[in-house]
Amino acid sequence: MADEIFVMSQLKSVVQTKVARGQTHTLSSKGKPGSHQRAKKRVNPVDKCEAIGSLATLSATLAQCHASWVTRQSAISQLGRAEKQALVDMPASRPTPLANHDDYRTGASNHAAMVDWRNYRGGNHIAPARQHIWPNTSAAYAVIALMESMISIERGKSMRLSVDDLYSDKESYWPDQLLAKAKRYGVVDDASFLTHSALPVSSSFPNIAHLQAHDFITGRDIRSVRFTTQHELLDITDRKHHLTHIGPCVGVLQVFHDFFSYGDRVYQRVSDDLIGLQCVVVIGYSDFEQCWFCQNSWGAGWGQGSYFKIAYGQCQIDTTFPFWGASGVQLPTDCVIGDLRSKYLALEGEQGSLGYPITCEIKTQDELGRLNHFQGGSIFWTPSTGAHVIHGVPREKWASMGWERSLLGYLITDVLTAPDGEGQLCHFEYGSIYSSNTTGACAIHGPIREKWAAMGWERGSLGYPVSDVLPTVIDIQKAK
């Protein structure tokens, strides 16, 4: 209930701002700016009835028109007209190729009779519903939901990407524009966006106004999710083939007044009152029910937990507007390769203590090995030593000494817990680093290390080192 009250209050605020700026407009049923007109009838037509007021009146109208879907009251259905217009305020002037709907009933033999990516290829690949409240953002929400689904389908992972990162209030309102932006620049996850801003943002997006001081996300190239291929699907055969063999799509539909009160079953409009355009995720279809399965971005309180079915040919979803898809997901972890990747995955990848990579694979300074730095540490590899991980205080100490070019050389072990259970250690080609809470990190090497090892390391009578190996006065004099 608190979320619904917040949504309604924010929409009222948006409407007041838009009215003050003179930014409200109307649409015709053909999707162009203008007066409300009767849309051309398509498949499965129902007799259009007159003005629809309350939920009870709409239910009676559905029965009169022999429509099969049912209504449901929600925070969305109770919005005023101006708030509803703000919710579906997607630009209508974007030129788009006309869809080819000649074969929407029969389809082709190379696609399934029914697909639903909530239960397909071994699981549910659709992310939980989100709720958009700012104008012009339904396309951003749909594109993000599509990318999250493709991550699940192609890579078997669950990620929550940042809608705020993808969205800007310039001209990137339509799905193809936002997909092109995501393909080129990538999209970071929510956690990364909390501390950085991907692109300059506008004051019209008040929930991220405090991020305006940050111009770009540090390390965007290796923090973001991208994809290699953007698809534009104009005919029904291509759409069903894509949904069967690749994944969900993004679509656009006209939103009429009755749609806000949708509850369940296959939607067919009984209203001529066109409110605006909305971008949704098409997650499947059924040739048995002659409909598309879709997810909206109006929150879990609307429809069937944000999902709805819409009949083929309705609201121009497949008769005017294309579907758009994406494939070839590239994750931030893809920049970790070879033996470094094997080590990373053995440590549970991004879910482990290292987190996400913050660099792609880099040659070591002496060019004998390779390394990746991560949020929580580093992995170094050479053909002779293999791949080893270092983090925390030992890593800071080694870095201060010059990494692999220091007198210690390369790692030959990971960071280990000391046998006494109190400290940490890691061994290198030519020495070791030992650390504890009381002594800090110290480097030990050469004959002194050999003697200390013979005495039982930190468990011997000397305990932990409290300094690095230091030169004697004679050594200093000789150096002069």
Protein backbone atom coordinates (compact mmCIF):
# COMPACT_ATOMS: atom_id res chain seq x y z
CA MET A 1 0.00 0.00 0.00
CA ALA A 2 2.84 2.41 0.83
CA ASP A 3 4.38 1.81 -2.60
CA GLU A 4 1.04 2.47 -4.31
CA ILE A 5 0.58 5.74 -2.42
CA PHE A 6 4.11 6.78 -3.40
CA VAL A 7 3.45 6.03 -7.07
CA MET A 8 0.23 8.02 -7.11
CA SER A 9 1.83 11.00 -5.35
CA GLN A 10 4.81 11.01 -7.72
CA LEU A 11 2.58 10.85 -10.79
CA LYS A 12 0.53 13.78 -9.52
CA SER A 13 3.78 15.73 -9.09
CA VAL A 14 4.87 14.84 -12.62
CA VAL A 15 1.53 15.94 -14.05
CA GLN A 16 1.66 19.28 -12.23
CA THR A 17 5.15 19.90 -13.62
CA LYS A 18 4.13 18.96 -17.18
CA VAL A 19 1.02 21.14 -17.09
CA ALA A 20 3.10 24.05 -15.86
CA ARG A 21 5.50 23.53 -18.75
CA GLY A 22 2.72 23.08 -21.30
CA GLN A 23 3.94 19.59 -22.23
CA THR A 24 0.66 17.68 -22.27
CA HIS A 25 -0.71 16.35 -25.55
CA THR A 26 -3.28 13.97 -26.97
CA LEU A 27 -3.04 11.08 -29.40
CA SER A 28 -5.20 9.72 -32.12
CA SER A 29 -5.94 6.00 -32.21
CA LYS A 30 -3.44 5.76 -35.07
CA GLY A 31 -0.62 6.72 -32.71
CA LYS A 32 -0.16 10.29 -34.02
CA PRO A 33 -0.58 13.50 -32.03
CA GLY A 34 -4.12 14.79 -32.39
CA SER A 35 -7.67 14.09 -31.34
CA HIS A 36 -9.00 10.73 -30.15
CA GLN A 37 -10.32 8.77 -33.10
CA ARG A 38 -11.66 5.28 -33.63
CA ALA A 39 -8.87 2.83 -34.47
CA LYS A 40 -9.15 0.54 -37.46
CA LYS A 41 -10.55 -2.88 -36.50
CA ARG A 42 -8.14 -5.79 -36.71
CA VAL A 43 -8.41 -9.43 -35.70
CA ASN A 44 -10.82 -10.74 -33.06
CA PRO A 45 -12.81 -7.48 -33.04
CA VAL A 46 -15.39 -6.78 -30.38
CA ASP A 47 -18.16 -4.23 -30.60
CA LYS A 48 -16.83 -0.98 -29.20
CA CYS A 49 -18.99 0.42 -26.45
CA GLU A 50 -19.36 3.96 -25.21
CA ALA A 51 -17.71 5.79 -22.33
CA ILE A 52 -16.39 3.56 -19.56
CA GLY A 53 -16.40 4.92 -16.04
CA SER A 54 -16.21 2.80 -12.92
CA LEU A 55 -14.85 -0.73 -12.64
CA ALA A 56 -18.41 -2.03 -12.36
CA THR A 57 -19.38 -0.20 -15.54
CA LEU A 58 -16.35 -1.62 -17.35
CA SER A 59 -17.20 -5.15 -16.21
CA ALA A 60 -20.72 -4.70 -17.53
CA THR A 61 -19.32 -3.39 -20.80
CA LEU A 62 -17.05 -6.43 -21.13
CA ALA A 63 -20.05 -8.70 -20.71
CA GLN A 64 -22.08 -6.69 -23.23
CA CYS A 65 -19.24 -6.86 -25.76
CA HIS A 66 -18.63 -10.58 -25.10
CA ALA A 67 -15.02 -9.87 -24.10
CA SER A 68 -13.34 -12.65 -22.14
CA TRP A 69 -10.97 -10.67 -19.92
CA VAL A 70 -11.71 -9.51 -16.40
CA THR A 71 -10.96 -6.33 -14.48
CA ARG A 72 -8.97 -5.72 -11.31
CA GLN A 73 -8.78 -2.66 -9.10
CA SER A 74 -5.25 -1.41 -8.41
CA ALA A 75 -3.37 1.79 -7.71
CA ILE A 76 -2.95 2.15 -11.48
CA SER A 77 -6.66 1.78 -12.25
CA GLN A 78 -7.50 4.46 -9.68
CA LEU A 79 -5.25 7.11 -11.19
CA GLY A 80 -6.85 10.20 -12.67
CA ARG A 81 -6.75 10.78 -16.41
CA ALA A 82 -3.82 13.20 -16.25
CA GLU A 83 -1.79 10.76 -14.16
CA LYS A 84 -2.57 7.96 -16.62
CA GLN A 85 -1.43 10.11 -19.51
CA ALA A 86 1.81 10.82 -17.65
CA LEU A 87 2.33 7.09 -17.11
CA VAL A 88 2.10 6.29 -20.84
CA ASP A 89 3.72 9.48 -22.11
CA MET A 90 5.89 7.76 -24.72
CA PRO A 91 6.67 9.98 -27.73
CA ALA A 92 4.29 9.31 -30.62
CA SER A 93 6.24 11.02 -33.38
CA ARG A 94 9.07 8.50 -33.66
CA PRO A 95 9.00 7.10 -37.25
CA THR A 96 8.98 3.30 -37.21
CA PRO A 97 8.79 0.67 -39.96
CA LEU A 98 5.36 -0.82 -40.41
CA ALA A 99 5.04 -4.34 -39.10
CA ASN A 100 3.94 -7.09 -41.47
CA HIS A 101 0.99 -8.88 -39.89
CA ASP A 102 -0.21 -10.98 -42.84
CA ASP A 103 0.58 -14.34 -41.23
CA TYR A 104 -0.26 -13.69 -37.58
CA ARG A 105 -2.73 -16.59 -37.39
CA THR A 106 -0.97 -19.44 -39.08
CA GLY A 107 2.69 -18.81 -38.34
CA ALA A 108 5.48 -21.04 -39.59
CA SER A 109 6.45 -24.60 -38.72
CA ASN A 110 9.84 -23.68 -37.24
CA HIS A 111 8.40 -22.14 -34.10
CA ALA A 112 6.54 -23.60 -31.14
CA ALA A 113 2.78 -23.37 -30.76
CA MET A 114 3.29 -21.75 -27.35
CA VAL A 115 6.25 -20.13 -25.61
CA ASP A 116 6.40 -18.58 -22.14
CA TRP A 117 9.86 -17.62 -20.86
CA ARG A 118 8.59 -17.80 -17.28
CA ASN A 119 8.73 -21.58 -17.71
CA TYR A 120 10.91 -22.40 -20.69
CA ARG A 121 14.31 -23.99 -21.21
CA GLY A 122 14.52 -25.23 -17.68
CA GLY A 123 13.36 -22.28 -15.65
CA ASN A 124 11.98 -18.78 -15.22
CA HIS A 125 14.08 -16.28 -17.17
CA ILE A 126 11.94 -13.20 -16.46
CA ALA A 127 13.11 -10.79 -13.75
CA PRO A 128 10.69 -9.58 -11.04
CA ALA A 129 8.44 -6.69 -11.99
CA ARG A 130 9.53 -3.09 -11.63
CA GLN A 131 7.32 -0.03 -11.46
CA HIS A 132 8.06 3.08 -13.50
CA ILE A 133 6.60 6.41 -12.49
CA TRP A 134 8.56 8.95 -14.55
CA PRO A 135 7.43 10.02 -18.03
CA ASN A 136 9.09 8.57 -21.12
CA THR A 137 10.73 5.71 -19.21
CA SER A 138 8.67 2.64 -20.15
CA ALA A 139 11.09 1.88 -23.01
CA ALA A 140 14.04 2.01 -20.62
CA TYR A 141 12.33 -0.35 -18.19
CA ALA A 142 11.43 -2.75 -21.00
CA VAL A 143 14.95 -2.77 -22.49
CA ILE A 144 16.49 -3.39 -19.07
CA ALA A 145 14.05 -6.25 -18.43
CA LEU A 146 14.92 -7.71 -21.84
CA MET A 147 18.66 -7.55 -21.10
CA GLU A 148 18.17 -9.19 -17.69
CA SER A 149 16.22 -12.01 -19.35
CA MET A 150 18.93 -12.54 -21.97
CA ILE A 151 21.58 -12.70 -19.23
CA SER A 152 19.58 -15.50 -17.62
CA ILE A 153 18.96 -17.32 -20.92
CA GLU A 154 22.43 -17.06 -22.45
CA ARG A 155 24.65 -16.98 -19.37
CA GLY A 156 22.59 -18.62 -16.63
CA LYS A 157 23.06 -15.67 -14.28
CA SER A 158 20.77 -13.24 -12.46
CA MET A 159 21.65 -9.53 -12.55
CA ARG A 160 19.71 -6.41 -11.63
CA LEU A 161 20.70 -3.72 -14.11
CA SER A 162 20.28 0.01 -13.56
CA VAL A 163 17.37 1.65 -15.37
CA ASP A 164 18.74 5.05 -14.32
CA ASP A 165 22.01 4.26 -16.11
CA LEU A 166 20.25 3.60 -19.41
CA TYR A 167 17.71 6.41 -19.25
CA SER A 168 18.34 9.99 -20.37
CA ASP A 169 15.76 12.69 -21.09
CA LYS A 170 17.08 13.53 -24.54
CA GLU A 171 15.79 11.59 -27.60
CA SER A 172 16.38 8.03 -26.47
CA TYR A 173 12.77 7.14 -25.82
CA TRP A 174 12.07 4.38 -28.32
CA PRO A 175 13.32 0.82 -27.80
CA ASP A 176 15.60 0.73 -30.85
CA GLN A 177 17.38 3.90 -29.68
CA LEU A 178 17.86 2.59 -26.16
CA LEU A 179 19.03 -0.80 -27.42
CA ALA A 180 21.60 0.95 -29.61
CA LYS A 181 22.79 2.93 -26.60
CA ALA A 182 23.02 -0.20 -24.44
CA LYS A 183 24.88 -2.04 -27.20
CA ARG A 184 27.45 0.74 -27.56
CA TYR A 185 27.95 1.93 -23.98
CA GLY A 186 26.63 -0.99 -21.94
CA VAL A 187 24.55 -0.85 -18.77
CA VAL A 188 25.90 -1.24 -15.25
CA ASP A 189 24.18 -2.99 -12.38
CA ASP A 190 22.27 -1.16 -9.66
CA ALA A 191 25.14 -1.43 -7.18
CA SER A 192 27.61 0.27 -9.54
CA PHE A 193 25.17 3.09 -10.31
CA LEU A 194 24.67 3.90 -6.63
CA THR A 195 28.16 5.41 -6.52
CA HIS A 196 28.64 6.63 -10.11
CA SER A 197 26.61 8.20 -12.89
CA ALA A 198 26.89 6.66 -16.34
CA LEU A 199 25.88 9.64 -18.42
CA PRO A 200 25.02 13.24 -17.53
CA VAL A 201 21.56 13.22 -15.96
CA SER A 202 18.76 15.74 -15.91
CA SER A 203 17.08 17.49 -13.02
CA SER A 204 13.79 16.12 -14.37
CA PHE A 205 14.82 12.79 -12.83
CA PRO A 206 14.81 13.87 -9.16
CA ASN A 207 15.56 10.49 -7.62
CA ILE A 208 19.10 10.63 -9.05
CA ALA A 209 19.66 14.37 -8.92
CA HIS A 210 22.24 13.91 -6.17
CA LEU A 211 24.40 11.99 -8.65
CA GLN A 212 24.86 14.93 -11.02
CA ALA A 213 28.36 15.62 -9.72
CA HIS A 214 29.57 12.34 -11.25
CA ASP A 215 29.99 12.54 -15.02
CA PHE A 216 30.94 8.97 -15.85
CA ILE A 217 31.17 5.58 -14.22
CA THR A 218 34.76 4.70 -13.44
CA GLY A 219 35.80 1.75 -15.56
CA ARG A 220 32.55 1.59 -17.53
CA ASP A 221 34.13 -0.66 -20.17
CA ILE A 222 34.67 -3.46 -17.68
CA ARG A 223 31.71 -2.79 -15.36
CA SER A 224 28.90 -2.84 -17.92
CA VAL A 225 26.76 -5.47 -19.63
CA ARG A 226 26.57 -5.29 -23.42
CA PHE A 227 25.25 -7.42 -26.26
CA THR A 228 26.55 -7.99 -29.77
CA THR A 229 23.37 -8.13 -31.88
CA GLN A 230 20.24 -5.98 -32.02
CA HIS A 231 17.20 -7.45 -33.80
CA GLU A 232 14.26 -5.65 -35.45
CA LEU A 233 11.41 -8.05 -36.13
CA LEU A 234 8.75 -6.86 -38.57
CA ASP A 235 6.62 -9.91 -39.32
CA ILE A 236 4.93 -12.43 -37.09
CA THR A 237 6.98 -15.37 -38.33
CA ASP A 238 10.22 -13.65 -37.34
CA ARG A 239 8.78 -12.65 -33.98
CA LYS A 240 7.64 -16.15 -33.09
CA HIS A 241 10.90 -17.65 -34.33
CA HIS A 242 12.84 -15.21 -32.14
CA LEU A 243 10.64 -15.92 -29.12
CA THR A 244 10.99 -19.66 -29.66
CA HIS A 245 14.72 -19.88 -30.29
CA ILE A 246 16.37 -16.75 -28.84
CA GLY A 247 14.39 -15.00 -26.12
CA PRO A 248 11.86 -12.27 -25.22
CA CYS A 249 11.36 -9.08 -27.22
CA VAL A 250 10.37 -5.49 -26.59
CA GLY A 251 7.13 -4.22 -28.12
CA VAL A 252 4.98 -1.08 -28.21
CA LEU A 253 1.20 -0.89 -27.92
CA GLN A 254 -1.52 1.72 -27.81
CA VAL A 255 -2.99 2.07 -24.34
CA PHE A 256 -6.72 2.71 -24.12
CA HIS A 257 -8.57 3.70 -20.97
CA ASP A 258 -9.84 0.21 -20.21
CA PHE A 259 -6.32 -1.27 -20.16
CA PHE A 260 -5.52 0.38 -16.82
CA SER A 261 -8.17 -1.84 -15.19
CA TYR A 262 -6.94 -5.11 -16.74
CA GLY A 263 -6.94 -8.06 -14.36
CA ASP A 264 -6.62 -11.39 -16.18
CA ARG A 265 -7.21 -13.41 -19.38
CA VAL A 266 -6.76 -12.23 -22.97
CA TYR A 267 -7.16 -8.47 -23.36
CA GLN A 268 -9.19 -7.02 -26.26
CA ARG A 269 -10.00 -3.36 -26.02
CA VAL A 270 -13.57 -2.21 -25.54
CA SER A 271 -12.67 1.47 -25.24
CA ASP A 272 -12.01 4.03 -27.95
CA ASP A 273 -10.42 6.40 -25.44
CA LEU A 274 -6.74 6.35 -26.43
CA ILE A 275 -4.46 7.54 -23.62
CA GLY A 276 -0.98 7.00 -25.04
CA LEU A 277 1.74 4.52 -25.98
CA GLN A 278 3.50 2.03 -23.73
CA CYS A 279 6.60 -0.13 -24.17
CA VAL A 280 6.41 -3.67 -22.75
CA VAL A 281 8.38 -6.91 -22.76
CA VAL A 282 6.88 -9.67 -24.91
CA ILE A 283 7.79 -12.88 -23.07
CA GLY A 284 5.91 -15.39 -25.23
CA TYR A 285 2.75 -16.20 -27.13
CA SER A 286 0.05 -18.83 -27.56
CA ASP A 287 -1.40 -19.88 -30.89
CA PHE A 288 -4.06 -21.74 -28.90
CA GLU A 289 -5.26 -18.56 -27.19
CA GLN A 290 -4.25 -16.34 -30.16
CA CYS A 291 -2.38 -13.90 -27.95
CA TRP A 292 0.96 -12.50 -26.81
CA PHE A 293 2.24 -12.92 -23.25
CA CYS A 294 3.71 -9.65 -21.94
CA GLN A 295 5.17 -7.99 -18.85
CA ASN A 296 4.35 -4.38 -18.05
CA SER A 297 6.32 -1.97 -15.85
CA TRP A 298 3.42 -0.90 -13.66
CA GLY A 299 4.43 -3.02 -10.70
CA ALA A 300 3.25 -6.35 -9.33
CA GLY A 301 -0.05 -4.86 -8.16
CA TRP A 302 -1.35 -4.46 -11.72
CA GLY A 303 -2.66 -7.27 -13.95
CA GLN A 304 -1.41 -10.72 -13.05
CA GLY A 305 1.59 -9.61 -11.03
CA SER A 306 2.61 -7.20 -13.86
CA TYR A 307 1.87 -9.76 -16.62
CA PHE A 308 -0.91 -9.64 -19.20
CA LYS A 309 -2.14 -11.36 -22.33
CA ILE A 310 -3.15 -9.36 -25.39
CA ALA A 311 -4.89 -10.77 -28.46
CA TYR A 312 -3.08 -10.85 -31.78
CA GLY A 313 -3.80 -7.68 -33.76
CA GLN A 314 -4.83 -5.59 -30.77
CA CYS A 315 -3.68 -2.03 -30.06
CA GLN A 316 -1.21 -2.09 -32.98
CA ILE A 317 1.23 -4.22 -30.97
CA ASP A 318 1.89 -6.43 -34.00
CA THR A 319 0.24 -4.51 -36.84
CA THR A 320 2.17 -1.23 -36.74
CA PHE A 321 5.09 -1.42 -34.35
CA PRO A 322 8.02 -3.83 -34.69
CA PHE A 323 9.34 -6.08 -31.96
CA TRP A 324 12.98 -5.58 -30.95
CA GLY A 325 15.35 -8.15 -29.51
CA ALA A 326 18.95 -8.50 -28.34
CA SER A 327 21.42 -11.39 -28.20
CA GLY A 328 25.09 -12.09 -27.64
CA VAL A 329 25.32 -10.98 -24.00
CA GLN A 330 28.74 -9.78 -22.84
CA LEU A 331 29.21 -9.68 -19.06
CA PRO A 332 31.79 -7.76 -17.03
CA THR A 333 33.41 -11.07 -16.11
CA ASP A 334 34.09 -11.85 -19.78
CA CYS A 335 37.29 -9.80 -19.54
CA VAL A 336 38.76 -12.50 -17.28
CA ILE A 337 40.09 -15.26 -19.54
CA GLY A 338 42.31 -18.34 -19.63
CA ASP A 339 43.95 -19.59 -16.43
CA LEU A 340 43.03 -16.34 -14.68
CA ARG A 341 39.38 -17.08 -15.39
CA SER A 342 39.71 -20.67 -14.18
CA LYS A 343 41.11 -19.39 -10.89
CA TYR A 344 38.42 -16.71 -10.67
CA LEU A 345 35.62 -19.20 -11.21
CA ALA A 346 37.17 -21.58 -8.67
CA LEU A 347 36.77 -18.71 -6.19
CA GLU A 348 33.03 -18.40 -7.11
CA GLY A 349 33.53 -15.59 -9.63
CA GLU A 350 31.70 -12.34 -9.01
CA GLN A 351 29.75 -13.98 -6.19
CA GLY A 352 32.97 -14.68 -4.29
CA SER A 353 35.25 -12.44 -2.25
CA LEU A 354 36.89 -10.90 -5.34
CA GLY A 355 33.65 -9.45 -6.74
CA TYR A 356 33.68 -7.98 -10.24
CA PRO A 357 36.83 -7.29 -12.28
CA ILE A 358 37.96 -3.67 -12.42
CA THR A 359 40.47 -4.25 -15.23
CA CYS A 360 40.62 -6.47 -18.25
CA GLU A 361 43.54 -8.89 -18.51
CA ILE A 362 46.83 -6.95 -18.29
CA LYS A 363 50.41 -7.93 -19.03
CA THR A 364 52.61 -7.81 -15.95
CA GLN A 365 55.32 -5.16 -15.86
CA ASP A 366 58.04 -7.62 -16.85
CA GLU A 367 55.72 -9.06 -19.54
CA LEU A 368 56.27 -12.60 -18.24
CA GLY A 369 52.78 -13.00 -16.82
CA ARG A 370 49.19 -11.78 -16.81
CA LEU A 371 46.96 -10.26 -14.14
CA ASN A 372 43.43 -9.05 -13.40
CA HIS A 373 42.52 -6.63 -10.63
CA PHE A 374 39.13 -7.08 -8.94
CA GLN A 375 37.01 -5.21 -6.44
CA GLY A 376 38.36 -7.41 -3.66
CA GLY A 377 41.88 -8.32 -4.77
CA SER A 378 44.07 -9.46 -7.68
CA ILE A 379 45.02 -12.64 -9.52
CA PHE A 380 48.53 -13.00 -10.96
CA TRP A 381 49.65 -15.76 -13.35
CA THR A 382 52.82 -16.92 -15.05
CA PRO A 383 53.50 -20.19 -16.90
CA SER A 384 55.91 -21.30 -14.17
CA THR A 385 53.99 -20.24 -11.04
CA GLY A 386 50.37 -20.68 -12.14
CA ALA A 387 47.50 -18.42 -11.02
CA HIS A 388 47.32 -17.16 -7.44
CA VAL A 389 45.11 -14.66 -5.64
CA ILE A 390 46.24 -11.92 -3.27
CA HIS A 391 44.07 -9.50 -1.30
CA GLY A 392 43.82 -7.43 1.83
CA VAL A 393 46.87 -6.33 3.83
CA PRO A 394 49.33 -8.69 2.09
CA ARG A 395 48.28 -7.24 -1.28
CA GLU A 396 48.78 -3.68 -0.06
CA LYS A 397 52.25 -4.60 1.19
CA TRP A 398 53.28 -6.31 -2.04
CA ALA A 399 51.93 -3.40 -4.11
CA SER A 400 53.96 -0.92 -2.03
CA MET A 401 57.08 -2.96 -2.81
CA GLY A 402 56.49 -2.89 -6.57
CA TRP A 403 54.35 -5.99 -7.21
CA GLU A 404 56.16 -8.73 -9.16
CA ARG A 405 59.14 -6.49 -9.86
CA SER A 406 59.94 -6.35 -6.16
CA LEU A 407 62.62 -8.55 -4.61
CA LEU A 408 59.88 -11.06 -3.70
CA GLY A 409 59.01 -11.89 -7.32
CA TYR A 410 55.74 -13.64 -8.23
CA LEU A 411 53.22 -15.31 -5.97
CA ILE A 412 53.56 -19.08 -5.54
CA THR A 413 50.62 -19.44 -3.11
CA ASP A 414 47.31 -17.72 -2.48
CA VAL A 415 46.84 -15.69 0.69
CA LEU A 416 46.63 -18.33 3.43
CA THR A 417 45.57 -18.32 7.05
CA ALA A 418 48.61 -18.76 9.27
CA PRO A 419 48.85 -22.12 11.12
CA ASP A 420 48.26 -20.38 14.46
CA GLY A 421 44.96 -19.07 13.09
CA GLU A 422 45.86 -15.49 14.00
CA GLY A 423 47.41 -14.02 10.89
CA GLN A 424 47.79 -14.29 7.12
CA LEU A 425 50.66 -15.21 4.86
CA CYS A 426 51.56 -15.70 1.24
CA HIS A 427 54.72 -17.10 -0.27
CA PHE A 428 56.53 -15.72 -3.29
CA GLU A 429 59.36 -16.93 -5.48
CA TYR A 430 61.96 -15.25 -3.27
CA GLY A 431 60.30 -14.60 0.05
CA SER A 432 57.09 -14.27 2.06
CA ILE A 433 54.72 -11.70 3.51
CA TYR A 434 53.31 -12.33 6.98
CA SER A 435 50.69 -10.17 8.63
CA SER A 436 48.72 -10.07 11.86
CA ASN A 437 46.44 -7.58 13.55
CA THR A 438 49.16 -6.56 16.00
CA THR A 439 52.21 -6.48 13.73
CA GLY A 440 50.85 -5.44 10.35
CA ALA A 441 52.38 -6.87 7.16
CA CYS A 442 56.10 -7.53 6.92
CA ALA A 443 58.23 -8.98 4.12
CA ILE A 444 60.83 -11.59 4.97
CA HIS A 445 63.34 -13.22 2.62
CA GLY A 446 66.84 -14.60 2.20
CA PRO A 447 68.87 -16.27 5.00
CA ILE A 448 66.77 -14.60 7.70
CA ARG A 449 63.64 -16.22 6.27
CA GLU A 450 65.42 -19.59 6.08
CA LYS A 451 66.45 -19.33 9.77
CA TRP A 452 62.97 -18.25 10.84
CA ALA A 453 61.40 -21.14 8.90
CA ALA A 454 63.79 -23.59 10.60
CA MET A 455 62.63 -22.25 13.97
CA GLY A 456 58.94 -22.93 13.15
CA TRP A 457 57.85 -19.73 11.44
CA GLU A 458 55.41 -17.64 13.53
CA ARG A 459 54.88 -20.51 15.97
CA GLY A 460 58.53 -20.49 16.97
CA SER A 461 60.00 -18.56 19.86
CA LEU A 462 60.35 -15.37 17.80
CA GLY A 463 56.68 -15.05 16.83
CA TYR A 464 55.65 -12.79 13.94
CA PRO A 465 58.09 -10.39 12.29
CA VAL A 466 57.54 -6.78 13.33
CA SER A 467 59.63 -5.30 10.51
CA ASP A 468 60.80 -6.08 7.02
CA VAL A 469 64.31 -7.41 6.55
CA LEU A 470 66.46 -4.32 7.13
CA PRO A 471 70.04 -3.58 6.14
CA THR A 472 72.73 -3.44 8.83
CA VAL A 473 74.91 -0.40 9.43
CA ILE A 474 77.73 -2.18 7.59
CA ASP A 475 75.44 -2.75 4.59
CA ILE A 476 74.56 0.93 4.56
CA GLN A 477 78.20 1.97 4.75
CA LYS A 478 79.10 -0.40 1.92
CA ALA A 479 76.31 1.04 -0.19
CA LYS A 480 77.83 4.49 0.23
